[in-house]
Protein backbone atom coordinates (compact mmCIF):
# COMPACT_ATOMS: atom_id res chain seq x y z
CA UNK A 1 -124.63 57.66 47.90
CA UNK A 2 -127.47 55.37 47.05
CA UNK A 3 -129.89 57.10 44.47
CA UNK A 4 -133.49 56.13 44.96
CA UNK A 5 -135.76 55.17 41.91
CA UNK A 6 -139.20 56.64 42.08
CA UNK A 7 -141.85 54.16 41.99
CA UNK A 8 -143.16 54.15 38.04
CA UNK A 9 -146.45 53.56 39.05
CA UNK A 10 -146.37 57.01 40.75
CA UNK A 11 -144.22 59.11 38.23
CA UNK A 12 -146.32 57.44 35.14
CA UNK A 13 -149.75 58.35 36.81
CA UNK A 14 -152.29 60.67 35.31
CA UNK A 15 -152.20 62.47 39.02
CA UNK A 16 -148.35 63.22 38.21
CA UNK A 17 -149.15 64.29 34.31
CA UNK A 18 -151.58 66.77 35.58
CA UNK A 19 -149.42 67.95 38.39
CA UNK A 20 -146.51 68.84 35.67
CA UNK A 21 -148.98 70.56 33.19
CA UNK A 22 -150.33 72.61 36.11
CA UNK A 23 -146.62 73.44 37.32
CA UNK A 24 -145.87 74.74 33.60
CA UNK A 25 -149.15 76.41 33.24
CA UNK A 26 -148.36 78.55 36.50
CA UNK A 27 -144.53 79.30 35.53
CA UNK A 28 -145.51 80.28 32.03
CA UNK A 29 -148.43 82.63 33.80
CA UNK A 30 -145.69 84.23 36.03
CA UNK A 31 -143.49 84.90 32.68
CA UNK A 32 -146.42 86.34 30.91
CA UNK A 33 -146.74 88.74 33.86
CA UNK A 34 -143.15 89.92 33.79
CA UNK A 35 -143.79 90.31 29.73
CA UNK A 36 -146.71 92.22 30.21
CA UNK A 37 -145.44 94.38 32.85
CA UNK A 38 -142.56 95.38 30.65
CA UNK A 39 -144.72 96.11 27.70
CA UNK A 40 -146.69 98.37 29.80
CA UNK A 41 -143.78 100.27 31.83
CA UNK A 42 -142.21 100.61 28.21
CA UNK A 43 -145.36 101.78 26.27
CA UNK A 44 -146.05 104.24 28.84
CA UNK A 45 -142.39 105.40 28.90
CA UNK A 46 -141.94 104.58 32.51
CA UNK A 47 -138.61 103.87 33.92
CA UNK A 48 -138.57 100.93 36.27
CA UNK A 49 -136.42 102.59 39.27
CA UNK A 50 -139.55 103.71 40.92
CA UNK A 51 -140.63 100.23 41.47
CA UNK A 52 -137.54 99.11 42.58
CA UNK A 53 -135.93 98.42 46.27
CA UNK A 54 -134.74 101.39 47.78
CA UNK A 55 -132.96 100.35 51.02
CA UNK A 56 -134.02 101.78 54.30
CA UNK A 57 -136.39 104.36 52.79
CA UNK A 58 -139.95 104.37 53.45
CA UNK A 59 -140.36 105.06 49.82
CA UNK A 60 -138.63 101.84 49.00
CA UNK A 61 -140.83 99.36 50.62
CA UNK A 62 -143.47 98.98 47.94
CA UNK A 63 -140.48 97.77 45.87
CA UNK A 64 -140.53 94.64 47.95
CA UNK A 65 -143.50 93.62 46.08
CA UNK A 66 -143.14 95.15 42.97
CA UNK A 67 -139.56 95.10 42.08
CA UNK A 68 -138.72 91.35 40.65
CA UNK A 69 -141.60 92.48 38.34
CA UNK A 70 -139.81 95.24 36.45
CA UNK A 71 -137.04 94.86 34.01
CA UNK A 72 -134.34 97.85 33.01
CA UNK A 73 -134.56 96.45 29.16
CA UNK A 74 -135.57 93.59 26.80
CA UNK A 75 -131.91 91.86 27.51
CA UNK A 76 -132.75 91.96 31.18
CA UNK A 77 -136.18 90.36 30.94
CA UNK A 78 -135.27 87.78 28.56
CA UNK A 79 -132.15 87.13 30.78
CA UNK A 80 -134.71 86.12 33.53
CA UNK A 81 -137.69 84.71 31.90
CA UNK A 82 -136.06 81.79 30.38
CA UNK A 83 -134.93 80.37 33.37
CA UNK A 84 -138.02 81.10 35.40
CA UNK A 85 -139.88 79.39 33.10
CA UNK A 86 -137.57 76.00 33.41
CA UNK A 87 -137.00 76.42 37.06
CA UNK A 88 -140.58 77.53 38.09
CA UNK A 89 -142.09 74.28 36.35
CA UNK A 90 -139.25 72.16 37.96
CA UNK A 91 -139.83 73.78 41.26
CA UNK A 92 -143.57 73.44 41.47
CA UNK A 93 -143.44 69.78 39.78
CA UNK A 94 -141.21 68.05 41.56
CA UNK A 95 -141.63 69.93 45.15
CA UNK A 96 -145.16 71.17 45.23
CA UNK A 97 -145.53 71.12 48.84
CA UNK A 98 -142.18 72.97 49.50
CA UNK A 99 -142.90 75.40 46.52
CA UNK A 100 -145.73 77.03 48.80
CA UNK A 101 -143.07 77.67 51.36
CA UNK A 102 -140.23 78.45 49.10
CA UNK A 103 -141.62 80.75 46.70
CA UNK A 104 -143.10 83.54 48.98
CA UNK A 105 -139.83 83.36 51.31
CA UNK A 106 -137.54 83.99 48.20
CA UNK A 107 -139.71 86.37 46.58
CA UNK A 108 -140.41 88.48 49.92
CA UNK A 109 -137.55 87.51 52.06
CA UNK A 110 -135.02 88.60 49.50
CA UNK A 111 -136.81 91.87 49.34
CA UNK A 112 -136.79 92.51 52.96
CA UNK A 113 -133.20 91.40 53.54
CA UNK A 114 -132.19 94.09 50.68
CA UNK A 115 -134.30 97.05 51.71
CA UNK A 116 -132.53 96.45 55.35
CA UNK A 117 -128.96 95.81 54.45
CA UNK A 118 -128.53 96.52 50.73
CA UNK A 119 -126.36 99.07 49.04
CA UNK A 120 -127.81 102.70 48.50
CA UNK A 121 -129.04 101.75 44.76
CA UNK A 122 -131.96 100.61 43.37
CA UNK A 123 -132.61 97.18 43.09
CA UNK A 124 -135.37 95.49 40.66
CA UNK A 125 -135.52 92.29 38.46
CA UNK A 126 -136.50 88.99 38.95
CA UNK A 127 -132.80 87.53 39.07
CA UNK A 128 -133.21 86.73 42.76
CA UNK A 129 -136.12 84.46 42.19
CA UNK A 130 -133.99 82.54 39.79
CA UNK A 131 -130.97 82.28 41.96
CA UNK A 132 -133.15 81.31 45.11
CA UNK A 133 -134.95 78.59 42.80
CA UNK A 134 -131.40 77.39 41.34
CA UNK A 135 -129.76 76.79 44.72
CA UNK A 136 -133.23 75.37 46.19
CA UNK A 137 -133.66 72.85 43.43
CA UNK A 138 -129.85 71.89 43.30
CA UNK A 139 -129.47 71.08 46.92
CA UNK A 140 -132.87 69.67 47.48
CA UNK A 141 -132.23 67.14 44.61
CA UNK A 142 -129.12 65.95 46.17
CA UNK A 143 -130.28 66.02 49.59
CA UNK A 144 -133.43 63.55 48.47
CA UNK A 145 -131.41 61.13 46.73
CA UNK A 146 -134.34 60.86 44.23
CA UNK A 147 -133.03 60.14 40.88
CA UNK A 148 -135.40 62.71 39.07
CA UNK A 149 -134.33 65.31 41.45
CA UNK A 150 -130.76 64.68 40.75
CA UNK A 151 -131.08 64.89 37.26
CA UNK A 152 -132.91 68.11 37.41
CA UNK A 153 -130.12 69.40 39.72
CA UNK A 154 -127.34 68.34 36.97
CA UNK A 155 -129.45 69.76 34.33
CA UNK A 156 -129.54 73.02 36.54
CA UNK A 157 -125.91 73.04 37.44
CA UNK A 158 -124.90 72.49 33.78
CA UNK A 159 -127.63 75.19 32.47
CA UNK A 160 -126.83 78.11 35.47
CA UNK A 161 -123.75 77.04 37.17
CA UNK A 162 -122.21 80.30 36.13
CA UNK A 163 -124.74 82.27 37.97
CA UNK A 164 -122.30 81.35 41.09
CA UNK A 165 -120.28 84.54 40.08
CA UNK A 166 -123.29 86.73 40.41
CA UNK A 167 -123.10 86.56 44.21
CA UNK A 168 -120.06 88.50 43.90
CA UNK A 169 -119.47 92.10 43.85
CA UNK A 170 -117.51 91.63 40.70
CA UNK A 171 -120.06 93.86 38.21
CA UNK A 172 -121.38 97.35 38.69
CA UNK A 173 -125.04 97.83 38.02
CA UNK A 174 -125.71 94.14 39.24
CA UNK A 175 -127.45 93.47 42.33
CA UNK A 176 -125.16 91.02 44.21
CA UNK A 177 -127.01 91.54 47.45
CA UNK A 178 -130.30 90.28 45.75
CA UNK A 179 -128.38 87.27 44.22
CA UNK A 180 -126.84 86.23 47.33
CA UNK A 181 -129.65 86.53 49.93
CA UNK A 182 -132.18 84.38 47.29
CA UNK A 183 -129.28 81.90 47.16
CA UNK A 184 -128.81 81.71 50.72
CA UNK A 185 -132.48 81.41 51.33
CA UNK A 186 -132.88 78.72 48.92
CA UNK A 187 -129.77 76.63 50.41
CA UNK A 188 -131.61 77.14 54.14
CA UNK A 189 -134.97 75.92 53.05
CA UNK A 190 -133.52 72.83 50.90
CA UNK A 191 -132.21 71.69 54.28
CA UNK A 192 -135.22 72.63 56.15
CA UNK A 193 -137.53 71.09 54.07
CA UNK A 194 -135.77 67.93 53.02
CA UNK A 195 -138.33 65.53 54.37
CA UNK A 196 -141.04 67.12 52.24
CA UNK A 197 -142.00 65.91 48.56
CA UNK A 198 -140.34 62.44 49.05
CA UNK A 199 -141.80 60.41 46.14
CA UNK A 200 -142.49 56.67 47.01
CA UNK A 201 -139.40 54.65 45.86
CA UNK A 202 -139.42 51.75 43.64
CA UNK A 203 -139.59 48.38 45.85
CA UNK A 204 -138.14 45.50 44.99
CA UNK A 205 -139.05 41.83 46.27
CA UNK A 206 -135.76 41.07 48.04
CA UNK A 207 -136.04 44.52 50.27
CA UNK A 208 -137.13 43.87 53.71
CA UNK A 209 -139.96 45.95 55.68
CA UNK A 210 -136.99 47.46 58.12
CA UNK A 211 -135.84 49.42 54.82
CA UNK A 212 -138.99 51.29 54.81
CA UNK A 213 -137.95 53.51 57.74
CA UNK A 214 -134.88 54.55 56.06
CA UNK A 215 -135.38 58.29 54.94
CA UNK A 216 -139.08 58.39 55.11
CA UNK A 217 -140.77 61.89 55.14
CA UNK A 218 -143.92 63.42 53.51
CA UNK A 219 -144.23 62.15 50.25
CA UNK A 220 -146.21 63.77 47.33
CA UNK A 221 -149.56 61.49 47.90
CA UNK A 222 -149.58 62.66 51.54
CA UNK A 223 -151.28 65.86 51.30
CA UNK A 224 -153.27 67.78 48.75
CA UNK A 225 -151.75 70.60 46.72
CA UNK A 226 -150.58 71.23 43.38
CA UNK A 227 -150.56 67.56 42.81
CA UNK A 228 -154.25 67.40 42.88
CA UNK A 229 -155.52 66.77 39.46
CA UNK A 230 -158.98 68.03 40.23
CA UNK A 231 -157.60 71.19 41.39
CA UNK A 232 -158.64 73.78 38.74
CA UNK A 233 -155.87 75.68 37.00
CA UNK A 234 -156.82 79.13 36.62
C-alpha cells in the first residue's frame, strides 16, 4: 500500500497549526464538562442512574442526551477523560469536516440504538464516544493512506487496542451494547466519509498530471470549517 506524504507547505502552515489548537481546546472543553458534571452530581449526592439510558422506557429517552455526561465514580471518569482528550483532538484536527458528522452520529446514534435494543439495565458514561472515535480514526487513517493519519491510527491501536474486548458481553456492569454500537457507527462512517478531509499530498517533479486523479476527494482546504484560523474559538 502506498502511503501518501502530505504537502509540507500545508501541514506546516499557520492554518493547520490554528486548527490543531482549536481542536485541542474543544476536546479539553468537553472533558472539562465531564469533570464539572461529575463534581456537581457528586457534590449534590446525585446518583447517575436517573440520567442514564433506560431501554424502551419513555423516562429513559432523556438519557440519550445526558448519559454520556455522567459517570459512576472518579475511576470511571478518568478512564474516559484521557482517551477522549487524545481522540477528540485527533478527530477534529485530522478530520474537521468529517467530525461535524461523526461526533453527532456517535453521540446520539449510539444512544438511540441502545434505547431501542439494549438490555434492561441502565447505560451511562462516555465510553461509547471513545469506542466510536477509536474505530473511526483507525479505519479512516488506513483508508486515506495519509502518513499522518496512518501514524495516528497506529498510536490509537497501540494505546487503546485492548478496548476491542469491551464490545463483547464478558464483564458484568459494562454496557457492551454501547461499545459495540458506537464502534460499528465509527466503522460505517469511516468508509462512507473516506473522501472527506484528504490533505493535499506532496508532489514530485517527476510525477505526471495523471496522478492527480488518483484518490482525489474533498481536501481540508476545499471548505470552511474547523480549519478556518479566523473562526472564533469560544
